[in-house]
N, C-alpha and C. Protein backbone atom coordinates (compact mmCIF):
# COMPACT_ATOMS: atom_id res chain seq x y z
N UNK A 1 -1.53 -13.01 25.90
CA UNK A 1 -1.61 -13.48 24.51
C UNK A 1 0.00 -14.72 24.39
N UNK A 2 -0.23 -15.15 23.86
CA UNK A 2 1.53 -16.20 23.50
C UNK A 2 1.98 -15.65 23.21
N UNK A 3 3.14 -15.85 23.39
CA UNK A 3 4.52 -15.23 23.23
C UNK A 3 5.00 -15.98 21.63
N UNK A 4 4.18 -16.59 21.56
CA UNK A 4 4.60 -16.89 20.14
C UNK A 4 3.35 -16.41 19.21
N UNK A 5 2.28 -15.71 19.42
CA UNK A 5 1.84 -15.51 18.30
C UNK A 5 1.99 -14.52 17.02
N UNK A 6 1.26 -14.83 16.67
CA UNK A 6 1.55 -14.58 15.32
C UNK A 6 0.22 -14.82 14.25
N UNK A 7 -0.30 -13.66 13.29
CA UNK A 7 -1.54 -13.86 13.10
C UNK A 7 -2.28 -14.87 12.17
N UNK A 8 -3.29 -15.43 12.25
CA UNK A 8 -4.17 -16.34 11.66
C UNK A 8 -4.41 -16.54 10.40
N UNK A 9 -3.88 -17.28 9.42
CA UNK A 9 -4.70 -16.89 8.11
C UNK A 9 -6.23 -17.95 8.10
N UNK A 10 -6.76 -16.52 7.34
CA UNK A 10 -8.27 -17.12 7.32
C UNK A 10 -8.65 -17.52 5.91
N UNK A 11 -8.05 -16.88 4.74
CA UNK A 11 -8.73 -17.05 3.11
C UNK A 11 -7.16 -17.42 2.48
N UNK A 12 -7.21 -17.92 1.62
CA UNK A 12 -6.24 -17.81 0.44
C UNK A 12 -6.91 -17.94 -0.64
N UNK A 13 -6.16 -17.15 -1.88
CA UNK A 13 -6.87 -17.27 -3.42
C UNK A 13 -5.93 -17.24 -4.33
N UNK A 14 -5.63 -18.34 -4.91
CA UNK A 14 -4.20 -17.97 -6.46
C UNK A 14 -5.19 -17.50 -7.17
N UNK A 15 -4.00 -16.45 -7.23
CA UNK A 15 -4.62 -14.82 -8.15
C UNK A 15 -4.33 -15.59 -9.45
N UNK A 16 -2.86 -16.14 -9.47
CA UNK A 16 -2.47 -15.96 -10.63
C UNK A 16 -0.71 -17.04 -10.12
N UNK A 17 -0.29 -17.86 -10.95
CA UNK A 17 1.14 -18.48 -10.57
C UNK A 17 1.67 -17.88 -9.72
N UNK A 18 2.19 -18.17 -8.48
CA UNK A 18 3.00 -17.32 -7.76
C UNK A 18 2.41 -16.34 -6.75
N UNK A 19 0.74 -15.95 -7.10
CA UNK A 19 0.81 -14.63 -6.78
C UNK A 19 -0.44 -15.14 -5.78
N UNK A 20 -0.75 -14.66 -4.50
CA UNK A 20 -1.26 -15.36 -3.49
C UNK A 20 -2.38 -13.85 -2.87
N UNK A 21 -3.48 -14.04 -3.49
CA UNK A 21 -4.44 -12.63 -1.98
C UNK A 21 -4.92 -13.91 -0.50
N UNK A 22 -4.45 -13.27 0.73
CA UNK A 22 -4.42 -13.63 1.73
C UNK A 22 -5.49 -12.76 2.33
N UNK A 23 -6.15 -13.45 3.54
CA UNK A 23 -7.12 -12.72 4.43
C UNK A 23 -6.23 -13.47 5.67
N UNK A 24 -6.01 -12.42 6.82
CA UNK A 24 -5.54 -12.40 7.86
C UNK A 24 -6.37 -12.04 9.41
N UNK A 25 -6.49 -12.89 10.20
CA UNK A 25 -7.30 -12.71 11.63
C UNK A 25 -6.93 -11.29 12.28
N UNK A 26 -5.99 -10.43 11.73
CA UNK A 26 -5.99 -8.73 12.06
C UNK A 26 -6.26 -7.95 10.61
N UNK A 27 -7.07 -8.46 9.90
CA UNK A 27 -8.22 -7.63 9.17
C UNK A 27 -7.68 -7.79 8.07
N UNK A 28 -6.20 -7.16 7.74
CA UNK A 28 -5.42 -7.58 6.42
C UNK A 28 -6.15 -8.27 5.12
N UNK A 29 -5.92 -7.61 4.28
CA UNK A 29 -5.06 -8.51 3.41
C UNK A 29 -4.86 -7.65 2.28
N UNK A 30 -3.42 -9.17 2.39
CA UNK A 30 -2.46 -8.60 1.45
C UNK A 30 -2.06 -9.48 0.17
N UNK A 31 -1.45 -9.13 -0.92
CA UNK A 31 -1.43 -10.08 -1.75
C UNK A 31 0.02 -10.26 -1.79
N UNK A 32 0.46 -11.42 -1.96
CA UNK A 32 1.81 -11.75 -1.82
C UNK A 32 2.23 -12.65 -3.57
N UNK A 33 3.46 -12.87 -3.49
CA UNK A 33 4.42 -13.43 -4.38
C UNK A 33 5.38 -14.49 -3.30
N UNK A 34 4.95 -15.70 -3.58
CA UNK A 34 5.34 -17.11 -3.08
C UNK A 34 6.60 -17.72 -4.61
N UNK A 35 6.53 -17.08 -5.42
CA UNK A 35 7.65 -17.14 -6.80
C UNK A 35 8.85 -17.73 -5.89
N UNK A 36 9.88 -16.15 -5.29
CA UNK A 36 11.18 -16.88 -4.62
C UNK A 36 11.16 -18.26 -3.90
N UNK A 37 10.28 -18.29 -3.49
CA UNK A 37 10.36 -19.26 -2.34
C UNK A 37 10.79 -20.74 -2.86
N UNK A 38 9.12 -20.39 -3.79
CA UNK A 38 8.46 -22.22 -5.17
C UNK A 38 9.85 -22.12 -5.34
N UNK A 39 10.57 -21.35 -6.23
CA UNK A 39 11.99 -21.94 -7.60
C UNK A 39 12.95 -21.96 -6.62
N UNK A 40 13.36 -21.60 -5.32
CA UNK A 40 14.41 -21.77 -4.79
C UNK A 40 14.36 -23.06 -3.66
N UNK A 41 13.51 -23.49 -3.91
CA UNK A 41 13.37 -25.44 -3.23
C UNK A 41 13.02 -26.42 -3.80
N UNK A 42 13.78 -27.33 -4.42
CA UNK A 42 13.11 -27.90 -5.18
C UNK A 42 12.16 -28.98 -4.75
N UNK A 43 12.04 -29.03 -4.05
CA UNK A 43 10.46 -30.32 -3.24
C UNK A 43 9.19 -29.13 -4.07
N UNK A 44 9.47 -27.79 -3.57
CA UNK A 44 8.27 -27.34 -4.11
C UNK A 44 8.13 -26.43 -5.86
N UNK A 45 8.82 -26.83 -6.36
CA UNK A 45 8.66 -26.39 -7.64
C UNK A 45 7.51 -26.59 -8.42
N UNK A 46 7.38 -28.34 -7.78
CA UNK A 46 5.77 -28.58 -8.50
C UNK A 46 4.57 -27.97 -8.52
N UNK A 47 4.51 -26.88 -7.15
CA UNK A 47 3.94 -26.18 -6.98
C UNK A 47 3.46 -24.76 -7.91
N UNK A 48 5.06 -24.84 -9.02
CA UNK A 48 4.74 -23.58 -10.30
C UNK A 48 3.80 -23.92 -11.09
N UNK A 49 3.74 -25.22 -11.36
CA UNK A 49 2.62 -25.56 -12.55
C UNK A 49 1.43 -24.99 -12.17
N UNK A 50 0.70 -24.55 -12.76
CA UNK A 50 -0.42 -23.08 -12.86
C UNK A 50 -1.69 -24.31 -11.97
N UNK A 51 -1.76 -25.57 -12.81
CA UNK A 51 -3.13 -26.20 -12.15
C UNK A 51 -2.58 -27.11 -10.62
N UNK A 52 -1.83 -26.45 -10.52
CA UNK A 52 -1.10 -27.18 -8.74
C UNK A 52 -1.89 -25.88 -8.54
N UNK A 53 -1.10 -25.12 -8.36
CA UNK A 53 -0.71 -23.69 -7.42
C UNK A 53 -2.55 -23.41 -7.08
N UNK A 54 -3.65 -23.24 -8.10
CA UNK A 54 -4.49 -22.51 -7.71
C UNK A 54 -5.37 -23.76 -7.36
N UNK A 55 -5.08 -24.57 -6.63
CA UNK A 55 -5.72 -25.59 -5.41
C UNK A 55 -5.11 -24.94 -3.78
N UNK A 56 -4.21 -24.22 -4.10
CA UNK A 56 -3.75 -23.24 -2.65
C UNK A 56 -5.19 -23.02 -1.70
N UNK A 57 -4.52 -23.73 -0.52
CA UNK A 57 -5.36 -23.64 0.73
C UNK A 57 -5.40 -23.59 1.93
N UNK A 58 -6.04 -23.07 2.57
CA UNK A 58 -5.68 -22.91 3.93
C UNK A 58 -5.27 -24.06 4.81
N UNK A 59 -4.42 -23.83 5.59
CA UNK A 59 -4.22 -25.21 6.53
C UNK A 59 -4.53 -25.47 7.43
N UNK A 60 -4.63 -26.23 8.66
CA UNK A 60 -5.94 -26.59 9.67
C UNK A 60 -4.93 -25.65 10.72
N UNK A 61 -6.36 -25.26 11.11
CA UNK A 61 -5.74 -24.08 11.70
C UNK A 61 -5.32 -22.68 11.35
N UNK A 62 -5.49 -22.64 10.15
CA UNK A 62 -4.96 -21.04 9.71
C UNK A 62 -3.65 -20.91 10.04
N UNK A 63 -2.26 -21.87 10.21
CA UNK A 63 -1.56 -22.02 10.02
C UNK A 63 -0.31 -22.27 8.82
N UNK A 64 -1.14 -22.11 7.88
CA UNK A 64 -0.28 -22.18 6.31
C UNK A 64 -0.45 -22.10 5.46
N UNK A 65 -0.35 -22.35 4.64
CA UNK A 65 -0.92 -22.25 3.28
C UNK A 65 -0.26 -23.60 2.54
N UNK A 66 -1.39 -24.41 1.95
CA UNK A 66 -0.98 -26.09 1.80
C UNK A 66 -1.81 -26.00 0.37
N UNK A 67 -0.45 -26.72 -0.24
CA UNK A 67 -0.94 -27.75 -1.64
C UNK A 67 -0.43 -29.14 -1.71
N UNK A 68 -0.83 -30.22 -2.25
CA UNK A 68 -0.91 -31.47 -1.99
C UNK A 68 -0.12 -32.50 -0.71
N UNK A 69 1.19 -32.16 -0.86
CA UNK A 69 1.74 -32.71 0.29
C UNK A 69 2.54 -31.54 1.02
N UNK A 70 3.25 -30.41 0.70
CA UNK A 70 3.31 -29.07 0.48
C UNK A 70 3.15 -28.10 1.36
N UNK A 71 3.67 -27.29 2.11
CA UNK A 71 3.04 -25.84 2.67
C UNK A 71 4.28 -24.97 3.10
N UNK A 72 3.50 -24.00 3.36
CA UNK A 72 4.19 -22.51 3.51
C UNK A 72 3.36 -22.53 4.91
N UNK A 73 4.21 -22.20 5.93
CA UNK A 73 4.05 -21.48 6.92
C UNK A 73 3.47 -19.87 7.25
N UNK A 74 2.45 -19.55 7.50
CA UNK A 74 1.46 -18.36 7.74
C UNK A 74 2.57 -17.25 7.88
N UNK A 75 3.45 -18.01 9.06
CA UNK A 75 3.95 -16.45 9.67
C UNK A 75 4.85 -15.90 8.64
N UNK A 76 5.64 -16.86 8.19
CA UNK A 76 6.81 -16.99 7.15
C UNK A 76 5.38 -16.00 5.39
N UNK A 77 4.47 -16.39 5.34
CA UNK A 77 4.00 -15.91 4.00
C UNK A 77 3.37 -14.18 4.86
N UNK A 78 3.22 -14.26 6.23
CA UNK A 78 2.56 -13.10 6.82
C UNK A 78 3.97 -11.72 6.60
N UNK A 79 5.00 -12.52 6.95
CA UNK A 79 5.85 -11.21 6.53
C UNK A 79 6.48 -11.01 5.08
N UNK A 80 6.73 -11.72 4.45
CA UNK A 80 6.45 -11.49 3.03
C UNK A 80 5.76 -10.83 2.36
N UNK A 81 3.86 -11.05 2.54
CA UNK A 81 2.96 -10.40 2.11
C UNK A 81 3.77 -8.33 2.74
N UNK A 82 4.07 -8.60 3.69
CA UNK A 82 4.26 -7.33 4.40
C UNK A 82 5.43 -6.61 4.05
N UNK A 83 6.61 -7.70 3.98
CA UNK A 83 7.40 -6.48 3.28
C UNK A 83 6.94 -6.19 1.42
N UNK A 84 6.50 -6.96 0.71
CA UNK A 84 5.96 -6.57 -0.24
C UNK A 84 4.94 -5.46 -0.96
N UNK A 85 4.30 -5.48 0.43
CA UNK A 85 3.47 -4.36 0.28
C UNK A 85 4.25 -2.97 1.03
N UNK A 86 5.66 -2.95 1.14
CA UNK A 86 5.88 -1.64 1.74
C UNK A 86 6.10 -1.69 3.34
N UNK A 87 5.74 -2.27 4.10
CA UNK A 87 5.77 -2.29 5.30
C UNK A 87 6.90 -3.20 5.86
N UNK A 88 6.79 -2.79 7.97
CA UNK A 88 7.94 -3.65 8.40
C UNK A 88 7.12 -4.88 8.33
N UNK A 89 8.06 -5.86 8.65
CA UNK A 89 7.48 -7.21 9.18
C UNK A 89 8.02 -7.31 10.36
N UNK A 90 7.45 -8.61 11.64
CA UNK A 90 8.05 -8.19 13.17
C UNK A 90 9.12 -9.16 12.21
N UNK A 91 9.18 -10.19 10.98
CA UNK A 91 10.69 -11.19 11.05
C UNK A 91 11.76 -9.67 10.95
N UNK A 92 11.57 -8.56 10.36
CA UNK A 92 12.81 -7.33 9.76
C UNK A 92 12.78 -6.92 11.20
N UNK A 93 11.91 -6.79 12.49
CA UNK A 93 12.12 -6.02 13.25
C UNK A 93 12.82 -7.06 14.00
N UNK A 94 13.08 -8.46 14.52
CA UNK A 94 13.17 -9.35 14.97
C UNK A 94 15.10 -9.18 14.65
N UNK A 95 14.77 -9.89 13.59
CA UNK A 95 16.16 -9.83 12.12
C UNK A 95 16.97 -7.97 12.97
N UNK A 96 16.60 -7.44 13.32
CA UNK A 96 17.61 -5.98 13.20
C UNK A 96 17.61 -6.07 15.10
N UNK A 97 17.19 -6.80 15.66
CA UNK A 97 16.93 -6.57 17.50
C UNK A 97 18.51 -8.03 17.57
N UNK A 98 18.29 -9.05 17.00
CA UNK A 98 19.48 -9.29 17.02
C UNK A 98 20.79 -9.55 16.41
N UNK A 99 20.38 -8.77 15.31
CA UNK A 99 22.16 -8.29 14.49
C UNK A 99 22.56 -7.36 15.10
N UNK A 100 21.64 -6.94 16.28
CA UNK A 100 22.09 -5.46 16.99
C UNK A 100 22.51 -6.36 18.76
N UNK A 101 22.00 -7.83 18.52
CA UNK A 101 22.39 -8.21 19.84
C UNK A 101 21.42 -7.19 20.71
N UNK A 102 20.28 -6.90 21.02
CA UNK A 102 19.46 -6.91 21.61
C UNK A 102 18.42 -7.56 22.34
N UNK A 103 17.94 -7.18 23.86
CA UNK A 103 16.87 -7.94 23.98
C UNK A 103 15.60 -7.26 24.11
N UNK A 104 14.86 -7.95 25.03
CA UNK A 104 13.48 -7.07 24.58
C UNK A 104 13.83 -5.58 25.23
N UNK A 105 14.49 -5.26 26.95
CA UNK A 105 14.87 -4.66 26.93
C UNK A 105 15.77 -3.75 26.70
N UNK A 106 16.88 -3.75 26.08
CA UNK A 106 17.58 -3.40 25.28
C UNK A 106 16.72 -2.27 24.19
N UNK A 107 16.51 -3.29 23.59
CA UNK A 107 15.62 -2.37 22.59
C UNK A 107 14.59 -1.58 22.36
N UNK A 108 13.77 -1.44 24.29
CA UNK A 108 13.20 -0.86 24.53
C UNK A 108 13.75 1.03 24.94
N UNK A 109 14.65 0.68 26.01
CA UNK A 109 15.36 1.73 26.10
C UNK A 109 16.00 2.05 24.46
N UNK A 110 16.79 1.04 23.60
CA UNK A 110 17.14 2.31 22.33
C UNK A 110 16.19 2.70 22.02
N UNK A 111 15.26 2.26 21.82
CA UNK A 111 13.93 3.27 21.64
C UNK A 111 12.94 4.03 21.94
N UNK A 112 13.09 4.02 23.23
CA UNK A 112 12.37 4.96 24.51
C UNK A 112 10.90 4.31 23.73
N UNK A 113 10.37 2.89 24.01
CA UNK A 113 9.06 3.09 24.26
C UNK A 113 9.10 1.77 24.69
N UNK A 114 8.43 0.75 25.88
CA UNK A 114 7.89 0.00 26.63
C UNK A 114 8.43 -1.22 26.15
N UNK A 115 9.35 -2.63 27.34
CA UNK A 115 9.34 -3.69 26.77
C UNK A 115 7.95 -4.80 26.35
N UNK A 116 6.94 -3.80 26.34
CA UNK A 116 5.57 -5.09 26.13
C UNK A 116 5.17 -4.80 24.78
N UNK A 117 5.45 -3.03 24.04
CA UNK A 117 5.49 -3.14 22.67
C UNK A 117 6.77 -3.60 21.62
N UNK A 118 7.39 -3.81 22.30
CA UNK A 118 8.81 -4.83 21.58
C UNK A 118 8.45 -5.84 21.67
N UNK A 119 7.52 -6.65 22.51
CA UNK A 119 7.56 -7.67 22.05
C UNK A 119 6.13 -7.81 21.12
N UNK A 120 5.23 -7.04 21.46
CA UNK A 120 4.12 -7.17 19.89
C UNK A 120 4.79 -6.92 18.30
N UNK A 121 5.81 -6.21 18.76
CA UNK A 121 5.88 -5.91 17.91
C UNK A 121 7.06 -7.37 16.82
N UNK A 122 7.52 -7.79 17.66
CA UNK A 122 8.51 -8.96 17.44
C UNK A 122 7.40 -9.82 16.85
N UNK A 123 6.50 -10.09 17.44
CA UNK A 123 5.65 -11.67 17.11
C UNK A 123 4.39 -11.09 16.75
N UNK A 124 4.49 -10.20 16.08
CA UNK A 124 3.44 -9.94 15.39
C UNK A 124 1.92 -9.40 15.31
N UNK A 125 1.97 -9.05 17.05
CA UNK A 125 1.10 -8.76 17.16
C UNK A 125 0.22 -7.53 17.32
N UNK A 126 1.21 -6.24 16.94
CA UNK A 126 0.78 -5.29 16.69
C UNK A 126 1.76 -4.69 15.38
N UNK A 127 1.02 -4.40 14.51
CA UNK A 127 2.14 -3.95 13.32
C UNK A 127 3.18 -2.83 13.37
N UNK A 128 4.37 -2.32 12.50
CA UNK A 128 5.35 -1.88 13.68
C UNK A 128 5.00 -0.12 12.49
N UNK A 129 4.89 0.68 13.38
CA UNK A 129 4.58 2.04 12.29
C UNK A 129 6.12 2.65 11.41
N UNK A 130 6.24 2.95 10.70
CA UNK A 130 7.00 3.02 10.15
C UNK A 130 7.90 4.27 10.69
N UNK A 131 7.87 4.81 11.52
CA UNK A 131 8.10 6.20 12.43
C UNK A 131 9.45 4.93 13.23
N UNK A 132 8.69 3.72 13.95
CA UNK A 132 9.29 3.10 14.87
C UNK A 132 10.75 2.23 13.78
N UNK A 133 10.40 1.57 13.01
CA UNK A 133 11.52 1.12 11.98
C UNK A 133 12.84 2.37 11.57
N UNK A 134 12.29 3.46 11.51
CA UNK A 134 12.98 4.82 10.99
C UNK A 134 14.28 5.10 12.27
N UNK A 135 13.38 4.41 13.03
CA UNK A 135 13.99 4.93 14.98
C UNK A 135 15.03 3.78 14.56
N UNK A 136 14.50 2.48 14.15
CA UNK A 136 15.61 1.33 14.23
C UNK A 136 16.56 1.59 13.47
N UNK A 137 16.45 1.89 11.89
CA UNK A 137 17.59 2.37 11.27
C UNK A 137 18.56 3.31 11.78
N UNK A 138 17.70 4.38 12.35
CA UNK A 138 18.27 5.63 12.91
C UNK A 138 19.37 5.16 14.22
N UNK A 139 19.16 4.28 15.03
CA UNK A 139 19.87 4.02 16.07
C UNK A 139 20.96 3.14 15.51
N UNK A 140 20.80 2.26 14.48
CA UNK A 140 21.74 2.01 14.34
C UNK A 140 22.61 1.69 14.00
N UNK A 141 22.62 3.16 12.92
CA UNK A 141 23.70 4.09 11.75
C UNK A 141 24.22 4.61 13.14
N UNK A 142 23.50 5.12 14.29
CA UNK A 142 24.19 5.63 15.23
C UNK A 142 24.93 5.36 16.06
N UNK A 143 24.05 4.44 16.40
CA UNK A 143 24.82 3.72 17.64
C UNK A 143 24.91 4.06 18.84
N UNK A 144 24.03 4.85 19.36
CA UNK A 144 24.26 5.98 20.61
C UNK A 144 25.09 5.06 22.17
N UNK A 145 25.72 6.13 22.59
CA UNK A 145 26.47 5.55 23.35
C UNK A 145 25.80 5.75 25.14
N UNK A 146 25.56 4.73 25.71
CA UNK A 146 24.77 4.66 26.91
C UNK A 146 23.61 5.46 27.36
N UNK A 147 22.96 6.63 27.53
CA UNK A 147 21.89 6.79 27.24
C UNK A 147 21.65 8.44 26.42
N UNK A 148 23.19 8.67 26.16
CA UNK A 148 23.04 10.00 25.34
C UNK A 148 22.55 9.79 23.94
N UNK A 149 22.04 11.26 22.98
CA UNK A 149 21.24 11.12 21.77
C UNK A 149 22.10 11.01 20.79
N UNK A 150 22.32 10.94 19.76
CA UNK A 150 23.76 11.80 18.70
C UNK A 150 23.03 12.92 17.92
N UNK A 151 23.73 13.52 17.80
CA UNK A 151 23.04 15.43 17.77
C UNK A 151 23.26 15.15 15.81
N UNK A 152 23.82 14.18 15.04
CA UNK A 152 23.32 14.28 14.44
C UNK A 152 23.69 12.81 13.00
N UNK A 153 23.32 13.05 12.59
CA UNK A 153 24.31 11.18 11.98
C UNK A 153 25.24 11.15 11.27
N UNK A 154 25.44 10.15 11.27
CA UNK A 154 26.92 10.28 10.62
C UNK A 154 27.22 10.40 8.88
N UNK A 155 28.41 11.07 8.44
CA UNK A 155 28.30 11.19 6.97
C UNK A 155 28.26 9.86 6.55
N UNK A 156 28.14 10.00 4.95
CA UNK A 156 28.18 8.18 4.50
C UNK A 156 29.96 7.50 4.54
N UNK A 157 30.72 8.41 4.66
CA UNK A 157 31.78 7.73 5.18
C UNK A 157 32.05 7.57 6.40
N UNK A 158 32.01 8.45 7.46
CA UNK A 158 31.74 7.47 8.75
C UNK A 158 31.10 6.99 8.99
N UNK A 159 29.58 6.44 8.30
CA UNK A 159 29.49 5.38 8.63
C UNK A 159 29.74 3.94 8.47
N UNK A 160 30.29 3.80 7.06
CA UNK A 160 31.23 3.41 6.17
C UNK A 160 32.70 2.38 7.23
N UNK A 161 33.14 3.92 7.99
CA UNK A 161 34.03 3.50 8.33
C UNK A 161 34.04 2.26 10.00
N UNK A 162 32.78 2.98 10.50
CA UNK A 162 32.08 2.72 11.81
C UNK A 162 31.54 1.17 11.03
N UNK A 163 31.12 0.61 10.05
CA UNK A 163 30.72 -0.49 10.08
C UNK A 163 31.68 -1.59 8.91
N UNK A 164 32.98 -1.36 8.62
CA UNK A 164 33.71 -1.75 7.69
C UNK A 164 34.46 -2.84 8.81
């Protein structure tokens, strides 16, 4: 598989202004509210009109959602939908890696998983289990030194001092 794999958008249906139902090549059907983006970008505000929003359709090759001459990328829509469903998105995982200056190898070592699984999670080829995300947050909170594991979580005060 390509390093730049992202789930393909198979179908989209406008449910009501700002809310879409999306079907993905992963078999997932996810609702997503895109209002936050449409309101923030002046060029997209016209899409907020109910008659325009209702014309949402899948872009060529399933790489986005289109309205007249505007488009939202499928990878972003997929991440927003996952996050709004209370799940972990590949963008959250990638941001965690970037924030902690981790490569595929160092992230794999930090989490005790293979480099390949880190790559799958970062590129949305596999869903990120809740336990893995909790491990990411725990690792970040404790910042283990070398190959040792922490014996306990820091107190709120210790954490605040370490991240000040």
